[in-house]
Amino acid sequence: MPWVSWVAAAGTALLAFGEAQAWRASRADYPRTSPTTGPAGGADVVLVLGFRSREDGRLNALQAWRTRIAVRSAPPGALFVFSGGSGGAVRGSEPEAVVMARYATARLGVAPDAVAIESAAASTRENLALSLPWLRTARTIRIASNTAHARRARSYLRELDPELWGRLRPTRDFRLLELGPLRLALTFYDFVAGRSAGRAMAVAAAERAVAAPARDTARETGQRSGATEA
């Protein structure tokens, strides 16, 4: 039937679009010039971004996929920093970082002494900010997550610390047709999440800009009052 052909063609086009977008995202927001290197004695750090666990605390498919990306992207002797699991992000009895780290050590062959846990982050920005103790001493840095999310995290690291951003190395977060239609859904989700986070930051910045003159006025009034009393 003609409509079946149209539906198949449309589905194929959407799938190809999702794969192309993911391929571009996997190569974006890395240093364009020669990347820098941190302390000679530092570890090659792979920062693994968490995702909410199931209600019963078991590993879910996206957590497993992010962990596999981390393992296949890591150079020999890498340190895996699993981040995530506080505030509204916690489901089940354990932080998501713990759940994902257990999968890495029990199923993917990662040595337990090559794992560090950051279990307080409740957002992507906090994943980065709270992992700074490991990132600052890293020789190189890799950020492991689904493709569009990893790109967003790289841009956040650039805002947070351009020097650390310069130590970024590519991760193997894109494999052709690895997720099928789910790739397009994740790309759209991360696009919306990024826009929402950007709007929230803009609102916060505007509120700070409005509040600053009021604080300055109050401070000046207090200083004048103190001078008069003196």
N, C-alpha and C. Protein backbone atom coordinates (compact mmCIF):
# COMPACT_ATOMS: atom_id res chain seq x y z
N MET A 1 0.84 -1.19 0.00
CA MET A 1 0.00 0.00 0.00
C MET A 1 0.89 1.25 0.00
N PRO A 2 0.44 2.31 -0.72
CA PRO A 2 1.27 3.52 -0.80
C PRO A 2 1.56 4.14 0.55
N TRP A 3 0.55 4.14 1.45
CA TRP A 3 0.77 4.81 2.73
C TRP A 3 1.83 4.08 3.56
N VAL A 4 1.93 2.77 3.39
CA VAL A 4 2.95 2.01 4.10
C VAL A 4 4.35 2.45 3.65
N SER A 5 4.48 2.66 2.34
CA SER A 5 5.76 3.12 1.81
C SER A 5 6.12 4.50 2.34
N TRP A 6 5.10 5.37 2.41
CA TRP A 6 5.33 6.71 2.94
C TRP A 6 5.76 6.67 4.40
N VAL A 7 5.07 5.85 5.17
CA VAL A 7 5.42 5.72 6.59
C VAL A 7 6.83 5.18 6.76
N ALA A 8 7.16 4.16 5.96
CA ALA A 8 8.51 3.58 6.05
C ALA A 8 9.57 4.61 5.66
N ALA A 9 9.28 5.38 4.61
CA ALA A 9 10.24 6.39 4.17
C ALA A 9 10.42 7.47 5.23
N ALA A 10 9.29 7.89 5.84
CA ALA A 10 9.37 8.90 6.88
C ALA A 10 10.14 8.39 8.09
N GLY A 11 9.89 7.15 8.47
CA GLY A 11 10.62 6.57 9.60
C GLY A 11 12.10 6.46 9.34
N THR A 12 12.44 6.06 8.12
CA THR A 12 13.86 5.96 7.75
C THR A 12 14.53 7.32 7.78
N ALA A 13 13.81 8.34 7.28
CA ALA A 13 14.36 9.70 7.26
C ALA A 13 14.59 10.21 8.68
N LEU A 14 13.62 9.95 9.56
CA LEU A 14 13.77 10.39 10.96
C LEU A 14 14.94 9.68 11.63
N LEU A 15 15.06 8.38 11.37
CA LEU A 15 16.16 7.62 11.96
C LEU A 15 17.51 8.16 11.47
N ALA A 16 17.58 8.43 10.16
CA ALA A 16 18.82 8.97 9.60
C ALA A 16 19.13 10.34 10.18
N PHE A 17 18.08 11.16 10.38
CA PHE A 17 18.27 12.48 10.97
C PHE A 17 18.83 12.35 12.39
N GLY A 18 18.25 11.45 13.17
CA GLY A 18 18.73 11.25 14.54
C GLY A 18 20.17 10.79 14.59
N GLU A 19 20.54 9.88 13.69
CA GLU A 19 21.92 9.40 13.66
C GLU A 19 22.88 10.52 13.26
N ALA A 20 22.47 11.34 12.28
CA ALA A 20 23.34 12.44 11.84
C ALA A 20 23.52 13.46 12.95
N GLN A 21 22.43 13.79 13.66
CA GLN A 21 22.53 14.74 14.77
C GLN A 21 23.44 14.20 15.87
N ALA A 22 23.30 12.91 16.16
CA ALA A 22 24.12 12.31 17.21
C ALA A 22 25.60 12.29 16.79
N TRP A 23 25.86 11.98 15.53
CA TRP A 23 27.25 11.98 15.05
C TRP A 23 27.88 13.35 15.21
N ARG A 24 27.13 14.40 14.84
CA ARG A 24 27.66 15.76 14.99
C ARG A 24 27.87 16.11 16.46
N ALA A 25 26.89 15.75 17.30
CA ALA A 25 27.01 16.05 18.73
C ALA A 25 28.21 15.36 19.35
N SER A 26 28.52 14.16 18.88
CA SER A 26 29.63 13.40 19.47
C SER A 26 30.98 14.05 19.21
N ARG A 27 31.03 14.97 18.25
CA ARG A 27 32.28 15.63 17.89
C ARG A 27 32.31 17.10 18.26
N ALA A 28 31.26 17.57 18.90
CA ALA A 28 31.14 19.00 19.20
C ALA A 28 31.60 19.32 20.62
N ASP A 29 31.98 20.59 20.80
CA ASP A 29 32.35 21.13 22.12
C ASP A 29 33.58 20.46 22.71
N TYR A 30 34.50 20.09 21.84
CA TYR A 30 35.84 19.69 22.26
C TYR A 30 36.82 20.81 21.91
N PRO A 31 37.98 20.87 22.54
CA PRO A 31 38.98 21.87 22.15
C PRO A 31 39.34 21.74 20.67
N ARG A 32 39.32 22.86 19.96
CA ARG A 32 39.59 22.82 18.52
C ARG A 32 41.09 22.76 18.23
N THR A 33 41.88 23.33 19.11
CA THR A 33 43.32 23.26 18.95
C THR A 33 43.84 22.04 19.72
N SER A 34 45.14 21.92 19.81
CA SER A 34 45.73 20.78 20.52
C SER A 34 45.27 20.78 21.97
N PRO A 35 44.69 19.67 22.45
CA PRO A 35 44.25 19.62 23.84
C PRO A 35 45.44 19.71 24.79
N THR A 36 45.16 20.20 25.98
CA THR A 36 46.21 20.32 27.00
C THR A 36 46.24 19.06 27.86
N THR A 37 47.23 18.98 28.69
CA THR A 37 47.39 17.84 29.59
C THR A 37 47.63 18.35 31.00
N GLY A 38 47.00 17.68 31.97
CA GLY A 38 47.15 18.08 33.35
C GLY A 38 48.42 17.52 33.98
N PRO A 39 48.47 17.45 35.30
CA PRO A 39 49.67 16.99 35.99
C PRO A 39 50.16 15.65 35.47
N ALA A 40 51.46 15.53 35.32
CA ALA A 40 52.05 14.31 34.76
C ALA A 40 51.68 13.08 35.57
N GLY A 41 51.56 13.24 36.87
CA GLY A 41 51.22 12.09 37.71
C GLY A 41 49.74 11.87 37.89
N GLY A 42 48.92 12.67 37.20
CA GLY A 42 47.48 12.56 37.36
C GLY A 42 46.90 11.38 36.60
N ALA A 43 45.67 11.04 36.96
CA ALA A 43 44.98 9.92 36.30
C ALA A 43 44.26 10.40 35.05
N ASP A 44 44.01 9.46 34.14
CA ASP A 44 43.10 9.72 33.02
C ASP A 44 41.69 9.48 33.57
N VAL A 45 40.96 10.56 33.82
CA VAL A 45 39.68 10.46 34.50
C VAL A 45 38.54 10.33 33.50
N VAL A 46 37.66 9.36 33.74
CA VAL A 46 36.42 9.22 32.98
C VAL A 46 35.28 9.57 33.93
N LEU A 47 34.64 10.70 33.68
CA LEU A 47 33.51 11.13 34.51
C LEU A 47 32.24 10.54 33.93
N VAL A 48 31.58 9.68 34.70
CA VAL A 48 30.38 8.99 34.24
C VAL A 48 29.16 9.67 34.86
N LEU A 49 28.32 10.26 34.01
CA LEU A 49 27.18 11.01 34.49
C LEU A 49 26.02 10.08 34.83
N GLY A 50 25.44 10.28 36.00
CA GLY A 50 24.39 9.39 36.48
C GLY A 50 23.05 9.63 35.82
N PHE A 51 22.15 8.69 36.05
CA PHE A 51 20.75 8.79 35.61
C PHE A 51 19.91 8.09 36.67
N ARG A 52 18.69 8.60 36.86
CA ARG A 52 17.84 8.08 37.92
C ARG A 52 17.64 6.57 37.83
N SER A 53 17.71 5.92 38.99
CA SER A 53 17.51 4.47 39.07
C SER A 53 16.03 4.14 39.01
N ARG A 54 15.73 2.87 38.89
CA ARG A 54 14.35 2.41 38.99
C ARG A 54 13.84 2.62 40.41
N GLU A 55 12.54 2.54 40.56
CA GLU A 55 11.96 2.68 41.90
C GLU A 55 12.51 1.65 42.88
N ASP A 56 12.79 0.45 42.35
CA ASP A 56 13.32 -0.60 43.23
C ASP A 56 14.83 -0.54 43.37
N GLY A 57 15.46 0.49 42.76
CA GLY A 57 16.89 0.68 42.90
C GLY A 57 17.74 -0.10 41.92
N ARG A 58 17.11 -0.90 41.06
CA ARG A 58 17.89 -1.70 40.11
C ARG A 58 18.42 -0.84 38.97
N LEU A 59 19.50 -1.32 38.36
CA LEU A 59 20.09 -0.68 37.20
C LEU A 59 19.07 -0.63 36.07
N ASN A 60 19.00 0.51 35.36
CA ASN A 60 18.13 0.58 34.19
C ASN A 60 18.98 0.63 32.92
N ALA A 61 18.31 0.59 31.77
CA ALA A 61 19.02 0.46 30.49
C ALA A 61 19.91 1.66 30.19
N LEU A 62 19.45 2.87 30.52
CA LEU A 62 20.25 4.05 30.22
C LEU A 62 21.48 4.13 31.12
N GLN A 63 21.33 3.75 32.37
CA GLN A 63 22.50 3.68 33.26
C GLN A 63 23.53 2.69 32.73
N ALA A 64 23.05 1.53 32.29
CA ALA A 64 23.96 0.52 31.76
C ALA A 64 24.66 1.02 30.51
N TRP A 65 23.93 1.71 29.64
CA TRP A 65 24.53 2.21 28.40
C TRP A 65 25.59 3.26 28.69
N ARG A 66 25.30 4.19 29.60
CA ARG A 66 26.30 5.21 29.94
C ARG A 66 27.56 4.56 30.52
N THR A 67 27.36 3.53 31.32
CA THR A 67 28.52 2.86 31.92
C THR A 67 29.33 2.13 30.86
N ARG A 68 28.67 1.50 29.90
CA ARG A 68 29.40 0.83 28.81
C ARG A 68 30.18 1.84 27.97
N ILE A 69 29.59 3.00 27.73
CA ILE A 69 30.30 4.05 27.00
C ILE A 69 31.58 4.42 27.74
N ALA A 70 31.47 4.57 29.06
CA ALA A 70 32.64 4.93 29.87
C ALA A 70 33.74 3.88 29.74
N VAL A 71 33.37 2.62 29.85
CA VAL A 71 34.36 1.54 29.84
C VAL A 71 35.03 1.43 28.48
N ARG A 72 34.26 1.52 27.40
CA ARG A 72 34.88 1.38 26.08
C ARG A 72 35.67 2.62 25.66
N SER A 73 35.47 3.74 26.37
CA SER A 73 36.19 4.97 26.07
C SER A 73 37.45 5.15 26.88
N ALA A 74 37.62 4.34 27.93
CA ALA A 74 38.70 4.58 28.89
C ALA A 74 40.03 4.03 28.41
N PRO A 75 41.10 4.81 28.59
CA PRO A 75 42.45 4.26 28.33
C PRO A 75 42.86 3.35 29.48
N PRO A 76 43.88 2.53 29.28
CA PRO A 76 44.35 1.66 30.37
C PRO A 76 44.71 2.46 31.62
N GLY A 77 44.31 1.94 32.76
CA GLY A 77 44.64 2.59 34.02
C GLY A 77 43.78 3.78 34.38
N ALA A 78 42.66 3.99 33.69
CA ALA A 78 41.81 5.15 33.95
C ALA A 78 41.14 5.07 35.31
N LEU A 79 40.80 6.24 35.83
CA LEU A 79 39.99 6.35 37.04
C LEU A 79 38.57 6.70 36.62
N PHE A 80 37.60 5.90 37.06
CA PHE A 80 36.20 6.15 36.74
C PHE A 80 35.55 6.88 37.91
N VAL A 81 35.04 8.08 37.65
CA VAL A 81 34.33 8.85 38.68
C VAL A 81 32.84 8.79 38.33
N PHE A 82 32.08 8.07 39.13
CA PHE A 82 30.64 7.97 38.94
C PHE A 82 29.96 9.05 39.76
N SER A 83 29.15 9.86 39.11
CA SER A 83 28.55 11.01 39.78
C SER A 83 27.04 10.99 39.67
N GLY A 84 26.37 11.23 40.81
CA GLY A 84 24.93 11.42 40.78
C GLY A 84 24.20 10.69 41.89
N GLY A 85 23.13 11.35 42.37
CA GLY A 85 22.28 10.61 43.29
C GLY A 85 21.71 11.34 44.45
N SER A 86 21.61 12.68 44.41
CA SER A 86 21.08 13.39 45.58
C SER A 86 19.79 14.09 45.23
N GLY A 87 19.14 14.60 46.27
CA GLY A 87 17.92 15.38 46.10
C GLY A 87 16.84 14.59 45.42
N GLY A 88 16.13 15.22 44.46
CA GLY A 88 15.03 14.57 43.77
C GLY A 88 15.47 13.47 42.84
N ALA A 89 16.80 13.35 42.61
CA ALA A 89 17.27 12.33 41.67
C ALA A 89 17.33 10.94 42.30
N VAL A 90 17.26 10.84 43.62
CA VAL A 90 17.40 9.55 44.26
C VAL A 90 16.11 8.75 44.16
N ARG A 91 16.22 7.52 43.70
CA ARG A 91 15.11 6.58 43.73
C ARG A 91 15.70 5.27 44.19
N GLY A 92 14.97 4.54 44.98
CA GLY A 92 15.51 3.31 45.53
C GLY A 92 16.35 3.60 46.76
N SER A 93 17.10 2.60 47.15
CA SER A 93 17.84 2.70 48.42
C SER A 93 19.26 3.22 48.27
N GLU A 94 19.76 3.34 47.04
CA GLU A 94 21.14 3.74 46.84
C GLU A 94 21.25 4.85 45.79
N PRO A 95 22.26 5.70 45.91
CA PRO A 95 22.50 6.71 44.86
C PRO A 95 22.78 6.03 43.52
N GLU A 96 22.39 6.70 42.45
CA GLU A 96 22.59 6.14 41.11
C GLU A 96 24.07 5.89 40.82
N ALA A 97 24.96 6.73 41.35
CA ALA A 97 26.39 6.53 41.12
C ALA A 97 26.85 5.18 41.66
N VAL A 98 26.31 4.78 42.79
CA VAL A 98 26.67 3.49 43.39
C VAL A 98 26.15 2.34 42.53
N VAL A 99 24.91 2.48 42.06
CA VAL A 99 24.31 1.44 41.22
C VAL A 99 25.12 1.24 39.94
N MET A 100 25.52 2.33 39.31
CA MET A 100 26.27 2.25 38.06
C MET A 100 27.69 1.73 38.29
N ALA A 101 28.31 2.15 39.37
CA ALA A 101 29.67 1.68 39.69
C ALA A 101 29.66 0.17 39.95
N ARG A 102 28.62 -0.31 40.60
CA ARG A 102 28.54 -1.75 40.86
C ARG A 102 28.44 -2.53 39.55
N TYR A 103 27.69 -2.02 38.61
CA TYR A 103 27.58 -2.67 37.31
C TYR A 103 28.94 -2.69 36.61
N ALA A 104 29.68 -1.60 36.71
CA ALA A 104 30.99 -1.52 36.07
C ALA A 104 31.96 -2.55 36.65
N THR A 105 31.95 -2.72 37.96
CA THR A 105 32.90 -3.63 38.60
C THR A 105 32.45 -5.10 38.52
N ALA A 106 31.15 -5.32 38.64
CA ALA A 106 30.65 -6.69 38.68
C ALA A 106 30.47 -7.29 37.29
N ARG A 107 30.16 -6.46 36.29
CA ARG A 107 29.82 -6.99 34.98
C ARG A 107 30.77 -6.59 33.86
N LEU A 108 31.45 -5.46 34.01
CA LEU A 108 32.27 -4.94 32.91
C LEU A 108 33.76 -5.02 33.17
N GLY A 109 34.16 -5.58 34.29
CA GLY A 109 35.57 -5.83 34.53
C GLY A 109 36.38 -4.66 35.06
N VAL A 110 35.72 -3.61 35.53
CA VAL A 110 36.45 -2.47 36.09
C VAL A 110 36.93 -2.83 37.50
N ALA A 111 38.19 -2.55 37.79
CA ALA A 111 38.72 -2.86 39.11
C ALA A 111 38.11 -1.94 40.16
N PRO A 112 37.72 -2.46 41.32
CA PRO A 112 37.13 -1.62 42.36
C PRO A 112 38.01 -0.45 42.77
N ASP A 113 39.33 -0.62 42.75
CA ASP A 113 40.20 0.48 43.15
C ASP A 113 40.38 1.52 42.04
N ALA A 114 39.73 1.31 40.90
CA ALA A 114 39.75 2.30 39.82
C ALA A 114 38.45 3.09 39.78
N VAL A 115 37.70 3.05 40.88
CA VAL A 115 36.38 3.69 40.93
C VAL A 115 36.34 4.70 42.07
N ALA A 116 35.77 5.87 41.78
CA ALA A 116 35.48 6.87 42.81
C ALA A 116 34.00 7.23 42.69
N ILE A 117 33.38 7.53 43.82
CA ILE A 117 31.95 7.80 43.86
C ILE A 117 31.71 9.23 44.31
N GLU A 118 30.92 9.95 43.55
CA GLU A 118 30.41 11.27 43.94
C GLU A 118 28.89 11.12 43.98
N SER A 119 28.32 11.10 45.17
CA SER A 119 26.90 10.72 45.32
C SER A 119 26.01 11.86 45.78
N ALA A 120 26.43 13.11 45.58
CA ALA A 120 25.62 14.24 46.03
C ALA A 120 25.00 15.05 44.90
N ALA A 121 25.45 14.88 43.67
CA ALA A 121 24.98 15.72 42.56
C ALA A 121 23.53 15.43 42.22
N ALA A 122 22.78 16.51 41.96
CA ALA A 122 21.37 16.39 41.59
C ALA A 122 21.08 16.95 40.21
N SER A 123 22.10 17.35 39.47
CA SER A 123 21.93 17.88 38.13
C SER A 123 23.23 17.70 37.35
N THR A 124 23.18 17.94 36.05
CA THR A 124 24.38 17.81 35.23
C THR A 124 25.46 18.80 35.66
N ARG A 125 25.05 20.03 35.93
CA ARG A 125 26.03 21.02 36.38
C ARG A 125 26.66 20.60 37.70
N GLU A 126 25.88 20.03 38.60
CA GLU A 126 26.45 19.56 39.86
C GLU A 126 27.34 18.35 39.65
N ASN A 127 27.02 17.49 38.67
CA ASN A 127 27.93 16.39 38.34
C ASN A 127 29.34 16.92 38.13
N LEU A 128 29.45 18.02 37.39
CA LEU A 128 30.75 18.60 37.08
C LEU A 128 31.34 19.33 38.28
N ALA A 129 30.52 20.19 38.89
CA ALA A 129 31.04 21.01 39.99
C ALA A 129 31.51 20.16 41.16
N LEU A 130 30.76 19.12 41.50
CA LEU A 130 31.11 18.30 42.65
C LEU A 130 32.19 17.28 42.34
N SER A 131 32.51 17.12 41.07
CA SER A 131 33.59 16.21 40.67
C SER A 131 34.91 16.95 40.46
N LEU A 132 34.94 18.23 40.72
CA LEU A 132 36.15 19.02 40.50
C LEU A 132 37.38 18.51 41.25
N PRO A 133 37.25 17.97 42.47
CA PRO A 133 38.46 17.46 43.13
C PRO A 133 39.21 16.42 42.30
N TRP A 134 38.49 15.58 41.57
CA TRP A 134 39.14 14.58 40.70
C TRP A 134 39.57 15.20 39.38
N LEU A 135 38.76 16.11 38.84
CA LEU A 135 39.07 16.70 37.54
C LEU A 135 40.31 17.59 37.61
N ARG A 136 40.47 18.31 38.71
CA ARG A 136 41.61 19.24 38.81
C ARG A 136 42.95 18.52 38.83
N THR A 137 42.98 17.31 39.33
CA THR A 137 44.24 16.57 39.36
C THR A 137 44.37 15.60 38.19
N ALA A 138 43.42 15.62 37.26
CA ALA A 138 43.42 14.67 36.15
C ALA A 138 44.46 15.05 35.09
N ARG A 139 45.05 14.05 34.50
CA ARG A 139 45.94 14.27 33.36
C ARG A 139 45.10 14.54 32.12
N THR A 140 44.09 13.72 31.88
CA THR A 140 43.13 13.94 30.81
C THR A 140 41.73 13.69 31.36
N ILE A 141 40.71 14.19 30.65
CA ILE A 141 39.32 14.08 31.12
C ILE A 141 38.45 13.57 29.97
N ARG A 142 37.60 12.62 30.29
CA ARG A 142 36.57 12.15 29.36
C ARG A 142 35.22 12.18 30.08
N ILE A 143 34.19 12.61 29.39
CA ILE A 143 32.85 12.68 29.98
C ILE A 143 31.98 11.65 29.27
N ALA A 144 31.46 10.69 30.03
CA ALA A 144 30.70 9.59 29.46
C ALA A 144 29.22 9.72 29.77
N SER A 145 28.42 9.77 28.72
CA SER A 145 26.96 9.78 28.83
C SER A 145 26.41 9.53 27.44
N ASN A 146 25.06 9.52 27.32
CA ASN A 146 24.50 9.47 25.98
C ASN A 146 24.91 10.73 25.22
N THR A 147 24.97 10.62 23.91
CA THR A 147 25.71 11.56 23.07
C THR A 147 25.35 13.02 23.29
N ALA A 148 24.07 13.37 23.19
CA ALA A 148 23.66 14.77 23.33
C ALA A 148 23.90 15.28 24.75
N HIS A 149 23.69 14.42 25.73
CA HIS A 149 23.91 14.82 27.12
C HIS A 149 25.39 15.07 27.39
N ALA A 150 26.24 14.22 26.85
CA ALA A 150 27.69 14.41 27.03
C ALA A 150 28.13 15.73 26.41
N ARG A 151 27.56 16.07 25.26
CA ARG A 151 27.92 17.36 24.64
C ARG A 151 27.52 18.52 25.54
N ARG A 152 26.32 18.44 26.12
CA ARG A 152 25.87 19.51 27.01
C ARG A 152 26.79 19.61 28.21
N ALA A 153 27.21 18.47 28.74
CA ALA A 153 28.12 18.49 29.89
C ALA A 153 29.47 19.10 29.52
N ARG A 154 29.96 18.84 28.32
CA ARG A 154 31.23 19.45 27.89
C ARG A 154 31.12 20.97 27.83
N SER A 155 29.98 21.47 27.36
CA SER A 155 29.80 22.92 27.31
C SER A 155 29.73 23.50 28.72
N TYR A 156 29.13 22.77 29.66
CA TYR A 156 29.09 23.24 31.04
C TYR A 156 30.50 23.28 31.63
N LEU A 157 31.32 22.28 31.32
CA LEU A 157 32.68 22.28 31.84
C LEU A 157 33.45 23.47 31.29
N ARG A 158 33.21 23.82 30.05
CA ARG A 158 33.90 24.98 29.47
C ARG A 158 33.53 26.25 30.21
N GLU A 159 32.26 26.39 30.59
CA GLU A 159 31.82 27.55 31.36
C GLU A 159 32.42 27.53 32.77
N LEU A 160 32.47 26.35 33.35
CA LEU A 160 32.93 26.21 34.74
C LEU A 160 34.43 26.42 34.87
N ASP A 161 35.22 25.84 33.96
CA ASP A 161 36.67 25.92 34.06
C ASP A 161 37.28 25.67 32.69
N PRO A 162 37.56 26.72 31.92
CA PRO A 162 38.12 26.54 30.57
C PRO A 162 39.43 25.75 30.56
N GLU A 163 40.22 25.87 31.63
CA GLU A 163 41.49 25.14 31.65
C GLU A 163 41.24 23.64 31.71
N LEU A 164 40.29 23.22 32.52
CA LEU A 164 39.95 21.80 32.58
C LEU A 164 39.31 21.33 31.28
N TRP A 165 38.49 22.17 30.68
CA TRP A 165 37.87 21.85 29.39
C TRP A 165 38.94 21.54 28.34
N GLY A 166 40.07 22.23 28.42
CA GLY A 166 41.15 22.00 27.48
C GLY A 166 41.77 20.61 27.60
N ARG A 167 41.51 19.91 28.70
CA ARG A 167 42.06 18.55 28.89
C ARG A 167 41.13 17.47 28.34
N LEU A 168 40.00 17.86 27.79
CA LEU A 168 39.03 16.87 27.31
C LEU A 168 39.59 16.02 26.18
N ARG A 169 39.23 14.75 26.22
CA ARG A 169 39.53 13.82 25.15
C ARG A 169 38.21 13.18 24.70
N PRO A 170 38.14 12.74 23.44
CA PRO A 170 36.88 12.17 22.93
C PRO A 170 36.48 10.89 23.64
N THR A 171 35.18 10.69 23.74
CA THR A 171 34.62 9.43 24.21
C THR A 171 33.93 8.73 23.05
N ARG A 172 33.78 7.45 23.17
CA ARG A 172 33.16 6.65 22.10
C ARG A 172 31.66 6.53 22.39
N ASP A 173 30.96 7.67 22.35
CA ASP A 173 29.54 7.66 22.67
C ASP A 173 28.65 7.54 21.45
N PHE A 174 29.25 7.41 20.26
CA PHE A 174 28.44 7.22 19.05
C PHE A 174 28.87 5.95 18.33
N ARG A 175 27.90 5.06 18.15
CA ARG A 175 28.04 3.91 17.28
C ARG A 175 26.81 3.87 16.39
N LEU A 176 27.00 3.75 15.12
CA LEU A 176 25.91 3.82 14.17
C LEU A 176 24.80 2.82 14.51
N LEU A 177 23.58 3.36 14.62
CA LEU A 177 22.37 2.55 14.86
C LEU A 177 22.42 1.78 16.17
N GLU A 178 23.23 2.24 17.12
CA GLU A 178 23.35 1.51 18.38
C GLU A 178 22.04 1.48 19.15
N LEU A 179 21.28 2.57 19.09
CA LEU A 179 20.04 2.65 19.86
C LEU A 179 18.78 2.64 19.01
N GLY A 180 18.93 2.73 17.72
CA GLY A 180 17.76 2.80 16.86
C GLY A 180 16.95 4.07 17.13
N PRO A 181 15.61 3.99 17.11
CA PRO A 181 14.77 5.19 17.30
C PRO A 181 14.97 5.89 18.65
N LEU A 182 15.47 5.15 19.66
CA LEU A 182 15.68 5.76 20.97
C LEU A 182 16.68 6.90 20.90
N ARG A 183 17.62 6.84 19.96
CA ARG A 183 18.61 7.89 19.83
C ARG A 183 17.95 9.24 19.55
N LEU A 184 16.97 9.25 18.64
CA LEU A 184 16.28 10.50 18.31
C LEU A 184 15.53 11.02 19.52
N ALA A 185 14.89 10.12 20.28
CA ALA A 185 14.16 10.54 21.47
C ALA A 185 15.10 11.16 22.50
N LEU A 186 16.26 10.55 22.70
CA LEU A 186 17.23 11.08 23.66
C LEU A 186 17.79 12.42 23.20
N THR A 187 18.03 12.56 21.90
CA THR A 187 18.54 13.82 21.36
C THR A 187 17.54 14.94 21.60
N PHE A 188 16.25 14.65 21.36
CA PHE A 188 15.21 15.65 21.59
C PHE A 188 15.10 15.97 23.07
N TYR A 189 15.16 14.94 23.91
CA TYR A 189 15.06 15.16 25.36
C TYR A 189 16.18 16.07 25.85
N ASP A 190 17.41 15.80 25.41
CA ASP A 190 18.54 16.61 25.88
C ASP A 190 18.50 18.02 25.31
N PHE A 191 17.95 18.18 24.10
CA PHE A 191 17.77 19.52 23.55
C PHE A 191 16.81 20.33 24.42
N VAL A 192 15.69 19.72 24.79
CA VAL A 192 14.71 20.40 25.64
C VAL A 192 15.30 20.68 27.01
N ALA A 193 16.01 19.68 27.58
CA ALA A 193 16.61 19.86 28.90
C ALA A 193 17.64 20.99 28.88
N GLY A 194 18.42 21.06 27.82
CA GLY A 194 19.41 22.13 27.72
C GLY A 194 18.77 23.49 27.61
N ARG A 195 17.69 23.59 26.83
CA ARG A 195 16.99 24.87 26.71
C ARG A 195 16.38 25.28 28.05
N SER A 196 15.81 24.32 28.76
CA SER A 196 15.21 24.61 30.06
C SER A 196 16.26 25.08 31.06
N ALA A 197 17.41 24.41 31.06
CA ALA A 197 18.49 24.81 31.96
C ALA A 197 18.99 26.20 31.61
N GLY A 198 19.08 26.49 30.31
CA GLY A 198 19.52 27.82 29.88
C GLY A 198 18.56 28.91 30.31
N ARG A 199 17.26 28.64 30.18
CA ARG A 199 16.27 29.63 30.62
C ARG A 199 16.34 29.84 32.12
N ALA A 200 16.51 28.76 32.87
CA ALA A 200 16.61 28.89 34.33
C ALA A 200 17.82 29.73 34.72
N MET A 201 18.94 29.53 34.02
CA MET A 201 20.13 30.33 34.32
C MET A 201 19.90 31.80 33.97
N ALA A 202 19.22 32.04 32.85
CA ALA A 202 18.95 33.42 32.45
C ALA A 202 18.06 34.12 33.47
N VAL A 203 17.05 33.41 33.96
CA VAL A 203 16.17 33.99 34.98
C VAL A 203 16.96 34.29 36.25
N ALA A 204 17.80 33.34 36.67
CA ALA A 204 18.59 33.55 37.88
C ALA A 204 19.53 34.74 37.72
N ALA A 205 20.14 34.87 36.53
CA ALA A 205 21.04 36.00 36.29
C ALA A 205 20.28 37.32 36.32
N ALA A 206 19.07 37.33 35.75
CA ALA A 206 18.25 38.54 35.76
C ALA A 206 17.86 38.92 37.19
N GLU A 207 17.52 37.92 37.99
CA GLU A 207 17.16 38.19 39.38
C GLU A 207 18.34 38.76 40.15
N ARG A 208 19.54 38.22 39.88
CA ARG A 208 20.73 38.74 40.56
C ARG A 208 21.00 40.18 40.11
N ALA A 209 20.78 40.47 38.83
CA ALA A 209 21.02 41.81 38.32
C ALA A 209 20.06 42.81 38.95
N VAL A 210 18.81 42.38 39.16
CA VAL A 210 17.83 43.26 39.79
C VAL A 210 18.13 43.45 41.27
N ALA A 211 18.56 42.39 41.92
CA ALA A 211 18.81 42.45 43.36
C ALA A 211 20.07 43.25 43.71
N ALA A 212 21.06 43.25 42.82
CA ALA A 212 22.33 43.90 43.12
C ALA A 212 22.19 45.39 43.42
N PRO A 213 21.46 46.18 42.60
CA PRO A 213 21.31 47.61 42.94
C PRO A 213 20.63 47.82 44.28
N ALA A 214 19.64 46.97 44.60
CA ALA A 214 18.96 47.11 45.88
C ALA A 214 19.92 46.86 47.04
N ARG A 215 20.78 45.86 46.90
CA ARG A 215 21.76 45.58 47.95
C ARG A 215 22.74 46.74 48.07
N ASP A 216 23.16 47.29 46.93
CA ASP A 216 24.10 48.41 46.96
C ASP A 216 23.47 49.63 47.63
N THR A 217 22.20 49.88 47.32
CA THR A 217 21.50 51.02 47.92
C THR A 217 21.39 50.84 49.42
N ALA A 218 21.02 49.62 49.84
CA ALA A 218 20.90 49.35 51.27
C ALA A 218 22.24 49.51 51.97
N ARG A 219 23.30 49.07 51.32
CA ARG A 219 24.63 49.17 51.91
C ARG A 219 25.04 50.64 52.05
N GLU A 220 24.78 51.42 50.99
CA GLU A 220 25.13 52.84 51.04
C GLU A 220 24.32 53.57 52.10
N THR A 221 23.03 53.21 52.22
CA THR A 221 22.19 53.84 53.24
C THR A 221 22.71 53.53 54.63
N GLY A 222 23.11 52.26 54.84
CA GLY A 222 23.64 51.89 56.14
C GLY A 222 24.93 52.61 56.46
N GLN A 223 25.79 52.79 55.42
CA GLN A 223 27.05 53.48 55.65
C GLN A 223 26.81 54.93 56.00
N ARG A 224 25.87 55.58 55.29
CA ARG A 224 25.58 56.99 55.58
C ARG A 224 24.99 57.14 56.98
N SER A 225 24.12 56.18 57.34
CA SER A 225 23.51 56.22 58.67
C SER A 225 24.58 56.07 59.74
N GLY A 226 25.52 55.15 59.51
CA GLY A 226 26.58 54.95 60.48
C GLY A 226 27.47 56.19 60.60
N ALA A 227 27.73 56.86 59.47
CA ALA A 227 28.55 58.06 59.50
C ALA A 227 27.85 59.18 60.27
N THR A 228 26.53 59.31 60.10
CA THR A 228 25.78 60.35 60.80
C THR A 228 25.78 60.13 62.29
N GLU A 229 25.60 58.83 62.68
CA GLU A 229 25.59 58.51 64.10
C GLU A 229 26.95 58.78 64.73
N ALA A 230 28.01 58.50 63.95
CA ALA A 230 29.34 58.76 64.48
C ALA A 230 29.54 60.24 64.68
